[in-house]
Amino acid sequence: MSEIVYPPVIWAATTLFRVLDLKIRVEGAERVPTSGSAVLVSNHISYLDFIFAGYAAHSSRRLVRFMAKKEVFDHPISGPLMRNMRHIPVDREAGAGSYAAALRALKDGEVVGVFAEGTISRSFTVKEIKSGAVRMAAATGSPLIPIALWGTQRLWTKGRPRKLLQRHIPITILVGEPLHPKRGDDMAVHTTELRTRMIELLDRAQRDYPEIPPGVWWQPAHLGGTAPTPEEAEEMDAREAAARTAAAE
């Protein structure tokens, strides 16, 4: 199938990166295979993470099919773009369908991107992750590749105003060593190992970041920032989920 929409979107994004002089550092991009299936699993701290996680595969010339919530596909502007780039909608009420679609993409030799935390982390730490990415990799014999993003939250994240045109912002993208889960393995063990690797990558990205001012909102609490602690963030997420449920009733 020809790619009409995705390459121009990548060109537009990379052009904007240059115009804004974003200081993007990518490490480990060679771990994304140049052919065959793979599952990329990134931490989630920004609404723009799919752009930067996808950029990790840019040097390998791979197009990543991201799993994203169905609401993004329902939007009149983002929806057509997402569908034409062959991303995978996730309906939380019917998750089996999106899981099956991801398996088909992997069996076709695609790279599938997953935000296994399920939602943006307000604490800018790695939340508990779901096992779906591990199970997909095991079912298809695909390498499972952890990614850590840092700096993207400064452009647009949950509960903060958008600052999409900020210039000179450092962005770190670290690609870790792949895991190779197999059918019959203990998926819980692999999921724990995946999260451990994501935490280690993110910690390195945070500590090596060129700007570490104390007391800023975009820095995690354990590094002296004013972001919510993981416990506070969990409570905020719970209140938000309860409000959504109440509004839907």
Protein backbone atom coordinates (compact mmCIF):
# COMPACT_ATOMS: atom_id res chain seq x y z
CA MET A 1 0.00 0.00 0.00
CA SER A 2 1.43 3.37 -1.01
CA GLU A 3 2.15 5.97 1.67
CA ILE A 4 0.62 9.27 0.55
CA VAL A 5 0.11 11.04 3.89
CA TYR A 6 2.78 9.77 6.30
CA PRO A 7 5.95 10.97 4.46
CA PRO A 8 4.68 14.56 4.07
CA VAL A 9 3.71 14.62 7.74
CA ILE A 10 7.24 13.50 8.70
CA TRP A 11 8.72 16.14 6.39
CA ALA A 12 6.53 18.84 7.96
CA ALA A 13 7.47 17.73 11.49
CA THR A 14 11.22 17.60 10.83
CA THR A 15 11.07 20.98 9.09
CA LEU A 16 9.33 22.47 12.13
CA PHE A 17 11.97 20.91 14.40
CA ARG A 18 14.64 22.77 12.42
CA VAL A 19 12.72 26.06 12.36
CA LEU A 20 12.23 25.92 16.13
CA ASP A 21 15.82 24.77 16.60
CA LEU A 22 14.76 21.95 18.90
CA LYS A 23 17.88 20.34 20.35
CA ILE A 24 16.95 16.73 19.61
CA ARG A 25 19.32 14.04 20.85
CA VAL A 26 18.62 10.49 19.71
CA GLU A 27 20.62 7.61 21.14
CA GLY A 28 20.26 3.95 20.17
CA ALA A 29 18.26 4.51 16.96
CA GLU A 30 20.19 1.65 15.33
CA ARG A 31 18.26 -0.74 17.57
CA VAL A 32 15.12 -0.16 15.50
CA PRO A 33 15.31 -2.83 12.76
CA THR A 34 15.39 -1.65 9.16
CA SER A 35 13.02 -4.44 8.14
CA GLY A 36 10.54 -6.77 9.80
CA SER A 37 8.21 -6.27 12.71
CA ALA A 38 8.98 -4.58 16.02
CA VAL A 39 7.06 -3.23 19.00
CA LEU A 40 8.24 0.15 20.28
CA VAL A 41 7.15 0.97 23.83
CA SER A 42 7.60 4.54 25.02
CA ASN A 43 6.94 6.40 28.23
CA HIS A 44 4.18 8.99 27.91
CA ILE A 45 4.63 12.57 29.15
CA SER A 46 3.22 14.69 26.31
CA TYR A 47 0.46 14.85 23.72
CA LEU A 48 3.27 15.03 21.13
CA ASP A 49 5.04 11.84 22.15
CA PHE A 50 3.92 9.86 19.11
CA ILE A 51 5.85 12.33 16.93
CA PHE A 52 9.07 11.99 18.89
CA ALA A 53 8.79 8.26 19.55
CA GLY A 54 8.24 7.85 15.82
CA TYR A 55 11.34 9.97 15.21
CA ALA A 56 13.35 7.23 16.93
CA ALA A 57 12.68 5.10 13.83
CA HIS A 58 13.47 7.87 11.36
CA SER A 59 17.08 6.86 10.66
CA SER A 60 15.92 3.28 10.04
CA ARG A 61 13.40 4.64 7.51
CA ARG A 62 10.53 2.93 9.30
CA LEU A 63 6.99 4.24 9.66
CA VAL A 64 5.55 3.48 13.09
CA ARG A 65 1.86 2.58 13.43
CA PHE A 66 0.87 3.92 16.83
CA MET A 67 -1.94 2.62 18.96
CA ALA A 68 -3.95 5.66 20.06
CA LYS A 69 -7.26 6.21 21.79
CA LYS A 70 -10.32 6.15 19.57
CA GLU A 71 -11.22 9.76 20.39
CA VAL A 72 -8.21 10.98 18.40
CA PHE A 73 -9.59 9.21 15.32
CA ASP A 74 -13.02 10.78 15.88
CA HIS A 75 -11.61 14.32 15.69
CA PRO A 76 -12.38 16.06 12.37
CA ILE A 77 -8.76 17.16 11.83
CA SER A 78 -6.60 14.51 13.47
CA GLY A 79 -8.93 11.63 12.53
CA PRO A 80 -8.31 11.60 8.76
CA LEU A 81 -4.57 12.03 9.31
CA MET A 82 -4.42 9.16 11.80
CA ARG A 83 -6.41 6.84 9.54
CA ASN A 84 -4.37 7.67 6.45
CA MET A 85 -1.14 7.08 8.36
CA ARG A 86 -2.62 3.69 9.31
CA HIS A 87 -2.36 4.19 13.04
CA ILE A 88 -4.46 1.85 15.17
CA PRO A 89 -7.49 3.11 17.13
CA VAL A 90 -7.92 1.79 20.66
CA ASP A 91 -11.48 1.53 21.93
CA ARG A 92 -11.22 0.94 25.67
CA GLU A 93 -14.67 -0.65 25.62
CA ALA A 94 -13.62 -3.13 22.91
CA GLY A 95 -9.90 -3.65 23.32
CA ALA A 96 -9.80 -7.01 21.55
CA GLY A 97 -10.34 -5.35 18.18
CA SER A 98 -7.39 -2.99 18.50
CA TYR A 99 -5.18 -5.80 19.80
CA ALA A 100 -6.10 -7.92 16.76
CA ALA A 101 -5.37 -4.99 14.43
CA ALA A 102 -1.94 -4.54 16.00
CA LEU A 103 -1.19 -8.25 15.60
CA ARG A 104 -2.13 -8.05 11.91
CA ALA A 105 0.20 -5.09 11.42
CA LEU A 106 3.07 -6.93 13.10
CA LYS A 107 2.47 -10.05 11.04
CA ASP A 108 2.66 -7.83 7.97
CA GLY A 109 6.13 -6.72 9.07
CA GLU A 110 5.14 -3.32 10.46
CA VAL A 111 6.54 -1.43 13.44
CA VAL A 112 3.84 -0.81 16.06
CA GLY A 113 4.18 1.91 18.69
CA VAL A 114 2.60 1.53 22.13
CA PHE A 115 2.26 3.82 25.15
CA ALA A 116 1.90 1.00 27.67
CA GLU A 117 1.10 3.32 30.59
CA GLY A 118 -2.21 4.00 28.88
CA THR A 119 -2.23 7.72 29.64
CA ILE A 120 0.12 10.65 30.17
CA SER A 121 2.11 10.49 33.39
CA ARG A 122 1.53 13.70 35.33
CA SER A 123 4.44 12.88 37.65
CA PHE A 124 6.84 12.46 34.69
CA THR A 125 7.83 9.06 36.02
CA VAL A 126 6.94 5.67 34.52
CA LYS A 127 3.50 4.54 35.68
CA GLU A 128 2.49 0.90 35.94
CA ILE A 129 2.32 -0.55 32.45
CA LYS A 130 -0.05 -2.97 30.76
CA SER A 131 1.11 -6.30 29.33
CA GLY A 132 -0.40 -5.90 25.85
CA ALA A 133 2.84 -4.84 24.16
CA VAL A 134 4.69 -7.82 25.63
CA ARG A 135 1.97 -10.22 24.54
CA MET A 136 1.96 -8.79 21.00
CA ALA A 137 5.73 -9.14 20.71
CA ALA A 138 5.63 -12.72 22.00
CA ALA A 139 2.76 -13.71 19.70
CA THR A 140 4.52 -12.42 16.58
CA GLY A 141 8.18 -13.02 17.41
CA SER A 142 8.83 -9.27 17.29
CA PRO A 143 11.58 -7.51 19.25
CA LEU A 144 10.22 -5.38 22.09
CA ILE A 145 12.09 -2.09 22.17
CA PRO A 146 11.83 0.35 25.12
CA ILE A 147 12.07 4.10 24.49
CA ALA A 148 12.42 7.02 26.90
CA LEU A 149 11.38 10.54 25.95
CA TRP A 150 12.27 13.63 27.91
CA GLY A 151 11.66 17.32 27.26
CA THR A 152 8.51 16.80 25.21
CA GLN A 153 6.35 17.71 28.22
CA ARG A 154 7.66 21.27 27.98
CA LEU A 155 5.81 21.70 24.67
CA TRP A 156 2.39 20.27 25.57
CA THR A 157 1.28 18.04 28.39
CA LYS A 158 -1.78 17.33 30.48
CA GLY A 159 -2.97 20.23 32.60
CA ARG A 160 -0.55 22.77 31.11
CA PRO A 161 -1.01 25.32 28.30
CA ARG A 162 0.34 24.43 24.87
CA LYS A 163 3.68 26.01 24.02
CA LEU A 164 4.21 24.40 20.64
CA LEU A 165 6.34 27.20 19.21
CA GLN A 166 8.97 27.36 21.94
CA ARG A 167 12.43 27.50 20.48
CA HIS A 168 15.69 25.78 21.44
CA ILE A 169 14.04 23.21 23.74
CA PRO A 170 16.22 20.12 24.32
CA ILE A 171 14.45 16.85 23.51
CA THR A 172 16.00 13.51 24.47
CA ILE A 173 15.05 10.22 22.79
CA LEU A 174 16.76 7.11 24.17
CA VAL A 175 16.21 3.72 22.52
CA GLY A 176 17.05 0.77 24.76
CA GLU A 177 18.18 -2.78 24.16
CA PRO A 178 15.35 -4.95 22.84
CA LEU A 179 13.68 -7.74 24.76
CA HIS A 180 12.65 -10.95 23.01
CA PRO A 181 9.61 -12.48 24.74
CA LYS A 182 8.41 -15.80 23.35
CA ARG A 183 5.15 -17.71 23.40
CA GLY A 184 4.80 -19.63 26.65
CA ASP A 185 6.97 -17.21 28.64
CA ASP A 186 5.72 -15.55 31.80
CA MET A 187 4.33 -12.28 30.45
CA ALA A 188 4.31 -10.71 33.92
CA VAL A 189 8.08 -11.22 34.20
CA HIS A 190 8.70 -9.61 30.82
CA THR A 191 6.34 -6.74 31.65
CA THR A 192 8.24 -6.06 34.87
CA GLU A 193 11.56 -6.18 33.01
CA LEU A 194 10.22 -3.82 30.32
CA ARG A 195 9.11 -1.28 32.92
CA THR A 196 12.46 -1.56 34.72
CA ARG A 197 14.30 -0.78 31.50
CA MET A 198 11.98 2.14 30.75
CA ILE A 199 12.59 3.55 34.25
CA GLU A 200 16.36 3.23 33.81
CA LEU A 201 16.29 4.91 30.41
CA LEU A 202 14.07 7.74 31.64
CA ASP A 203 16.24 8.30 34.71
CA ARG A 204 19.31 8.60 32.49
CA ALA A 205 17.51 10.98 30.14
CA GLN A 206 16.44 13.16 33.07
CA ARG A 207 19.82 13.24 34.80
CA ASP A 208 21.77 13.90 31.57
CA TYR A 209 19.35 16.58 30.36
CA PRO A 210 21.19 19.84 29.63
CA GLU A 211 18.73 21.91 31.67
CA ILE A 212 18.00 20.87 35.27
CA PRO A 213 16.73 24.00 37.04
CA PRO A 214 15.31 23.42 40.53
CA GLY A 215 11.64 23.91 41.29
CA VAL A 216 10.27 23.88 37.73
CA TRP A 217 6.89 22.31 36.95
CA TRP A 218 8.26 19.98 34.27
CA GLN A 219 10.77 18.32 36.58
CA PRO A 220 9.72 15.26 38.65
CA ALA A 221 9.44 15.71 42.39
CA HIS A 222 12.28 13.28 43.18
CA LEU A 223 14.67 15.48 41.17
CA GLY A 224 13.60 18.72 42.87
CA GLY A 225 10.77 19.71 40.55
CA THR A 226 7.23 20.67 41.42
CA ALA A 227 5.45 18.01 39.35
CA PRO A 228 3.02 15.87 41.36
CA THR A 229 4.45 12.82 43.08
CA PRO A 230 3.36 9.47 41.59
CA GLU A 231 0.86 9.10 44.43
CA GLU A 232 -0.58 12.58 43.89
CA ALA A 233 -0.74 11.98 40.13
CA GLU A 234 -2.60 8.72 40.69
CA GLU A 235 -5.20 10.53 42.79
CA MET A 236 -5.58 13.22 40.11
CA ASP A 237 -6.09 10.55 37.44
CA ALA A 238 -8.69 8.80 39.60
CA ARG A 239 -10.65 12.03 40.12
CA GLU A 240 -10.54 12.75 36.38
CA ALA A 241 -11.76 9.25 35.53
CA ALA A 242 -14.59 9.55 38.05
CA ALA A 243 -15.63 12.89 36.56
CA ARG A 244 -15.69 11.37 33.05
CA THR A 245 -17.83 8.50 34.27
CA ALA A 246 -20.25 10.85 36.01
CA ALA A 247 -20.52 13.04 32.91
CA ALA A 248 -21.32 10.02 30.75
CA GLU A 249 -24.17 8.84 32.99
